[in-house]
Amino acid sequence: MSKAIKKDDSVFILSGEFKGEKGKVLAVLKKKSRAVLEMTGLSPEKQAAIGRKTVKKSQKNPRGGMVERKVSTHISNLKLLEEEQKAK
């Protein structure tokens, strides 16, 4: 029986571009059924794949420029890390 994925859980990514990686849940978007992840232990190539976002000048960001992005993944593509360790 699977448990609900919550903020601060450690998860294993089952499918998608980051399949086989581990991450920590920063937020859960319930309406979209997605989780925002902080990836741990990525190679430089995969870190670059997450990419950066160009931001215009604003009061919040007066210089503009590049901003780091977070990974958002559908909840069905995630598995709690505790469940992964119990299965082995």
N, C-alpha and C. Protein backbone atom coordinates (compact mmCIF):
# COMPACT_ATOMS: atom_id res chain seq x y z
N MET A 1 0.84 -1.18 0.00
CA MET A 1 0.00 0.00 0.00
C MET A 1 0.89 1.25 0.00
N SER A 2 0.63 2.17 -0.91
CA SER A 2 1.48 3.35 -1.01
C SER A 2 0.94 4.47 -0.11
N LYS A 3 1.85 5.30 0.35
CA LYS A 3 1.49 6.44 1.18
C LYS A 3 1.48 7.69 0.31
N ALA A 4 0.84 8.73 0.80
CA ALA A 4 0.80 10.00 0.08
C ALA A 4 2.18 10.66 0.14
N ILE A 5 2.55 11.29 -0.93
CA ILE A 5 3.82 12.01 -0.97
C ILE A 5 3.59 13.40 -0.39
N LYS A 6 4.45 13.78 0.56
CA LYS A 6 4.31 15.05 1.27
C LYS A 6 5.60 15.85 1.15
N LYS A 7 5.53 17.08 1.59
CA LYS A 7 6.69 17.96 1.61
C LYS A 7 7.78 17.35 2.49
N ASP A 8 9.03 17.49 2.10
CA ASP A 8 10.23 17.00 2.79
C ASP A 8 10.42 15.49 2.71
N ASP A 9 9.63 14.77 1.91
CA ASP A 9 9.85 13.34 1.71
C ASP A 9 11.01 13.13 0.73
N SER A 10 11.73 12.04 0.90
CA SER A 10 12.75 11.65 -0.07
C SER A 10 12.09 10.69 -1.06
N VAL A 11 12.29 10.95 -2.35
CA VAL A 11 11.61 10.16 -3.38
C VAL A 11 12.61 9.65 -4.41
N PHE A 12 12.19 8.61 -5.13
CA PHE A 12 12.93 8.01 -6.22
C PHE A 12 12.10 8.23 -7.48
N ILE A 13 12.70 8.71 -8.56
CA ILE A 13 11.97 9.00 -9.79
C ILE A 13 11.93 7.74 -10.65
N LEU A 14 10.70 7.31 -10.99
CA LEU A 14 10.49 6.06 -11.71
C LEU A 14 10.55 6.21 -13.22
N SER A 15 10.15 7.37 -13.76
CA SER A 15 10.17 7.55 -15.20
C SER A 15 10.36 9.01 -15.56
N GLY A 16 10.67 9.25 -16.82
CA GLY A 16 10.89 10.60 -17.29
C GLY A 16 12.37 10.88 -17.52
N GLU A 17 12.68 12.14 -17.72
CA GLU A 17 14.05 12.56 -18.05
C GLU A 17 15.04 12.24 -16.92
N PHE A 18 14.58 12.26 -15.68
CA PHE A 18 15.46 12.03 -14.53
C PHE A 18 15.23 10.66 -13.90
N LYS A 19 14.86 9.67 -14.70
CA LYS A 19 14.61 8.32 -14.21
C LYS A 19 15.82 7.78 -13.45
N GLY A 20 15.56 7.19 -12.28
CA GLY A 20 16.62 6.59 -11.49
C GLY A 20 17.31 7.53 -10.53
N GLU A 21 16.91 8.80 -10.52
CA GLU A 21 17.52 9.78 -9.62
C GLU A 21 16.73 9.89 -8.33
N LYS A 22 17.37 10.49 -7.33
CA LYS A 22 16.72 10.72 -6.04
C LYS A 22 16.54 12.21 -5.84
N GLY A 23 15.50 12.56 -5.08
CA GLY A 23 15.24 13.96 -4.81
C GLY A 23 14.45 14.15 -3.54
N LYS A 24 14.31 15.41 -3.16
CA LYS A 24 13.56 15.78 -1.97
C LYS A 24 12.40 16.65 -2.41
N VAL A 25 11.20 16.39 -1.88
CA VAL A 25 10.01 17.14 -2.26
C VAL A 25 10.02 18.50 -1.56
N LEU A 26 9.97 19.57 -2.36
CA LEU A 26 9.91 20.92 -1.82
C LEU A 26 8.47 21.40 -1.65
N ALA A 27 7.59 20.95 -2.57
CA ALA A 27 6.18 21.35 -2.52
C ALA A 27 5.36 20.34 -3.31
N VAL A 28 4.09 20.22 -2.95
CA VAL A 28 3.16 19.37 -3.68
C VAL A 28 2.05 20.26 -4.23
N LEU A 29 1.86 20.18 -5.56
CA LEU A 29 0.82 20.96 -6.23
C LEU A 29 -0.39 20.04 -6.41
N LYS A 30 -1.35 20.08 -5.50
CA LYS A 30 -2.45 19.13 -5.47
C LYS A 30 -3.36 19.24 -6.69
N LYS A 31 -3.67 20.45 -7.14
CA LYS A 31 -4.58 20.61 -8.28
C LYS A 31 -4.00 20.04 -9.56
N LYS A 32 -2.67 20.11 -9.71
CA LYS A 32 -2.01 19.59 -10.91
C LYS A 32 -1.44 18.20 -10.70
N SER A 33 -1.52 17.67 -9.49
CA SER A 33 -0.96 16.35 -9.13
C SER A 33 0.52 16.27 -9.46
N ARG A 34 1.26 17.31 -9.10
CA ARG A 34 2.69 17.36 -9.37
C ARG A 34 3.45 17.67 -8.09
N ALA A 35 4.72 17.31 -8.09
CA ALA A 35 5.60 17.60 -6.96
C ALA A 35 6.81 18.36 -7.47
N VAL A 36 7.20 19.41 -6.75
CA VAL A 36 8.39 20.18 -7.08
C VAL A 36 9.54 19.56 -6.29
N LEU A 37 10.61 19.18 -7.00
CA LEU A 37 11.71 18.44 -6.39
C LEU A 37 13.01 19.22 -6.37
N GLU A 38 13.81 18.95 -5.36
CA GLU A 38 15.19 19.39 -5.30
C GLU A 38 16.02 18.14 -5.55
N MET A 39 16.73 18.12 -6.65
CA MET A 39 17.49 16.93 -7.04
C MET A 39 18.79 16.86 -6.24
N THR A 40 19.19 15.63 -5.86
CA THR A 40 20.42 15.43 -5.11
C THR A 40 21.36 14.54 -5.89
N GLY A 41 22.63 14.89 -5.92
CA GLY A 41 23.66 14.06 -6.54
C GLY A 41 23.58 13.94 -8.05
N LEU A 42 23.20 15.01 -8.74
CA LEU A 42 23.14 14.96 -10.20
C LEU A 42 24.50 15.21 -10.82
N SER A 43 24.73 14.59 -11.97
CA SER A 43 25.95 14.86 -12.73
C SER A 43 25.82 16.26 -13.34
N PRO A 44 26.95 16.87 -13.72
CA PRO A 44 26.88 18.21 -14.32
C PRO A 44 26.03 18.27 -15.58
N GLU A 45 26.00 17.19 -16.36
CA GLU A 45 25.19 17.16 -17.59
C GLU A 45 23.70 17.23 -17.26
N LYS A 46 23.28 16.44 -16.28
CA LYS A 46 21.87 16.46 -15.90
C LYS A 46 21.51 17.75 -15.17
N GLN A 47 22.46 18.30 -14.43
CA GLN A 47 22.22 19.58 -13.75
C GLN A 47 21.97 20.68 -14.80
N ALA A 48 22.71 20.62 -15.91
CA ALA A 48 22.52 21.60 -16.98
C ALA A 48 21.19 21.39 -17.69
N ALA A 49 20.70 20.13 -17.70
CA ALA A 49 19.42 19.84 -18.35
C ALA A 49 18.25 20.49 -17.62
N ILE A 50 18.39 20.65 -16.31
CA ILE A 50 17.34 21.34 -15.55
C ILE A 50 17.26 22.76 -16.06
N GLY A 51 18.40 23.35 -16.28
CA GLY A 51 18.48 24.62 -16.95
C GLY A 51 18.25 25.84 -16.09
N ARG A 52 18.25 26.95 -16.76
CA ARG A 52 18.05 28.24 -16.13
C ARG A 52 16.96 28.96 -16.90
N LYS A 53 16.38 29.94 -16.27
CA LYS A 53 15.31 30.70 -16.87
C LYS A 53 15.73 32.16 -16.93
N THR A 54 15.50 32.84 -18.05
CA THR A 54 15.81 34.25 -18.18
C THR A 54 14.68 35.07 -17.58
N VAL A 55 15.03 36.02 -16.74
CA VAL A 55 14.04 36.85 -16.05
C VAL A 55 14.25 38.31 -16.42
N LYS A 56 13.16 38.99 -16.73
CA LYS A 56 13.23 40.42 -17.03
C LYS A 56 13.49 41.22 -15.76
N LYS A 57 13.93 42.45 -15.94
CA LYS A 57 14.12 43.35 -14.80
C LYS A 57 12.77 43.63 -14.15
N SER A 58 12.77 43.68 -12.82
CA SER A 58 11.56 44.01 -12.07
C SER A 58 11.98 44.58 -10.72
N GLN A 59 11.01 44.99 -9.92
CA GLN A 59 11.34 45.49 -8.59
C GLN A 59 11.92 44.37 -7.73
N LYS A 60 11.39 43.18 -7.92
CA LYS A 60 11.88 42.02 -7.15
C LYS A 60 13.29 41.63 -7.58
N ASN A 61 13.57 41.72 -8.87
CA ASN A 61 14.86 41.34 -9.42
C ASN A 61 15.36 42.50 -10.30
N PRO A 62 15.97 43.54 -9.71
CA PRO A 62 16.32 44.75 -10.46
C PRO A 62 17.35 44.56 -11.57
N ARG A 63 18.18 43.54 -11.47
CA ARG A 63 19.20 43.34 -12.51
C ARG A 63 18.72 42.41 -13.62
N GLY A 64 17.68 41.63 -13.37
CA GLY A 64 17.25 40.65 -14.36
C GLY A 64 18.26 39.53 -14.43
N GLY A 65 18.29 38.80 -15.54
CA GLY A 65 19.30 37.77 -15.73
C GLY A 65 18.78 36.35 -15.63
N MET A 66 19.67 35.44 -15.25
CA MET A 66 19.35 34.02 -15.23
C MET A 66 19.00 33.56 -13.81
N VAL A 67 17.99 32.67 -13.70
CA VAL A 67 17.54 32.14 -12.42
C VAL A 67 17.48 30.62 -12.53
N GLU A 68 17.93 29.92 -11.48
CA GLU A 68 17.88 28.46 -11.46
C GLU A 68 16.43 27.98 -11.44
N ARG A 69 16.17 26.84 -12.07
CA ARG A 69 14.83 26.27 -12.10
C ARG A 69 14.77 25.01 -11.26
N LYS A 70 13.59 24.65 -10.80
CA LYS A 70 13.36 23.42 -10.05
C LYS A 70 12.67 22.42 -10.96
N VAL A 71 12.76 21.14 -10.61
CA VAL A 71 12.14 20.07 -11.38
C VAL A 71 10.73 19.83 -10.85
N SER A 72 9.76 19.79 -11.75
CA SER A 72 8.38 19.46 -11.39
C SER A 72 8.03 18.15 -12.09
N THR A 73 7.55 17.17 -11.33
CA THR A 73 7.25 15.85 -11.86
C THR A 73 5.87 15.40 -11.39
N HIS A 74 5.16 14.67 -12.25
CA HIS A 74 3.86 14.14 -11.86
C HIS A 74 4.04 13.13 -10.73
N ILE A 75 3.10 13.12 -9.79
CA ILE A 75 3.21 12.27 -8.60
C ILE A 75 3.26 10.79 -8.96
N SER A 76 2.61 10.40 -10.06
CA SER A 76 2.62 8.98 -10.44
C SER A 76 4.00 8.49 -10.85
N ASN A 77 4.92 9.41 -11.15
CA ASN A 77 6.28 9.04 -11.54
C ASN A 77 7.23 8.97 -10.36
N LEU A 78 6.71 9.10 -9.14
CA LEU A 78 7.55 9.11 -7.94
C LEU A 78 7.22 7.94 -7.03
N LYS A 79 8.23 7.54 -6.27
CA LYS A 79 8.05 6.49 -5.27
C LYS A 79 8.80 6.93 -4.02
N LEU A 80 8.16 6.77 -2.86
CA LEU A 80 8.83 7.12 -1.62
C LEU A 80 10.08 6.28 -1.46
N LEU A 81 11.15 6.88 -1.01
CA LEU A 81 12.43 6.19 -0.88
C LEU A 81 12.35 5.07 0.15
N GLU A 82 11.54 5.23 1.20
CA GLU A 82 11.40 4.19 2.21
C GLU A 82 10.80 2.93 1.60
N GLU A 83 9.81 3.08 0.68
CA GLU A 83 9.21 1.94 0.02
C GLU A 83 10.23 1.23 -0.87
N GLU A 84 11.06 2.01 -1.55
CA GLU A 84 12.10 1.46 -2.43
C GLU A 84 13.07 0.59 -1.63
N GLN A 85 13.45 1.01 -0.43
CA GLN A 85 14.41 0.25 0.38
C GLN A 85 13.77 -1.00 0.97
N LYS A 86 12.48 -0.95 1.31
CA LYS A 86 11.79 -2.11 1.86
C LYS A 86 11.63 -3.21 0.82
N ALA A 87 11.47 -2.82 -0.46
CA ALA A 87 11.25 -3.79 -1.54
C ALA A 87 12.50 -4.63 -1.80
N LYS A 88 13.67 -4.14 -1.45
CA LYS A 88 14.92 -4.87 -1.74
C LYS A 88 15.20 -5.91 -0.73
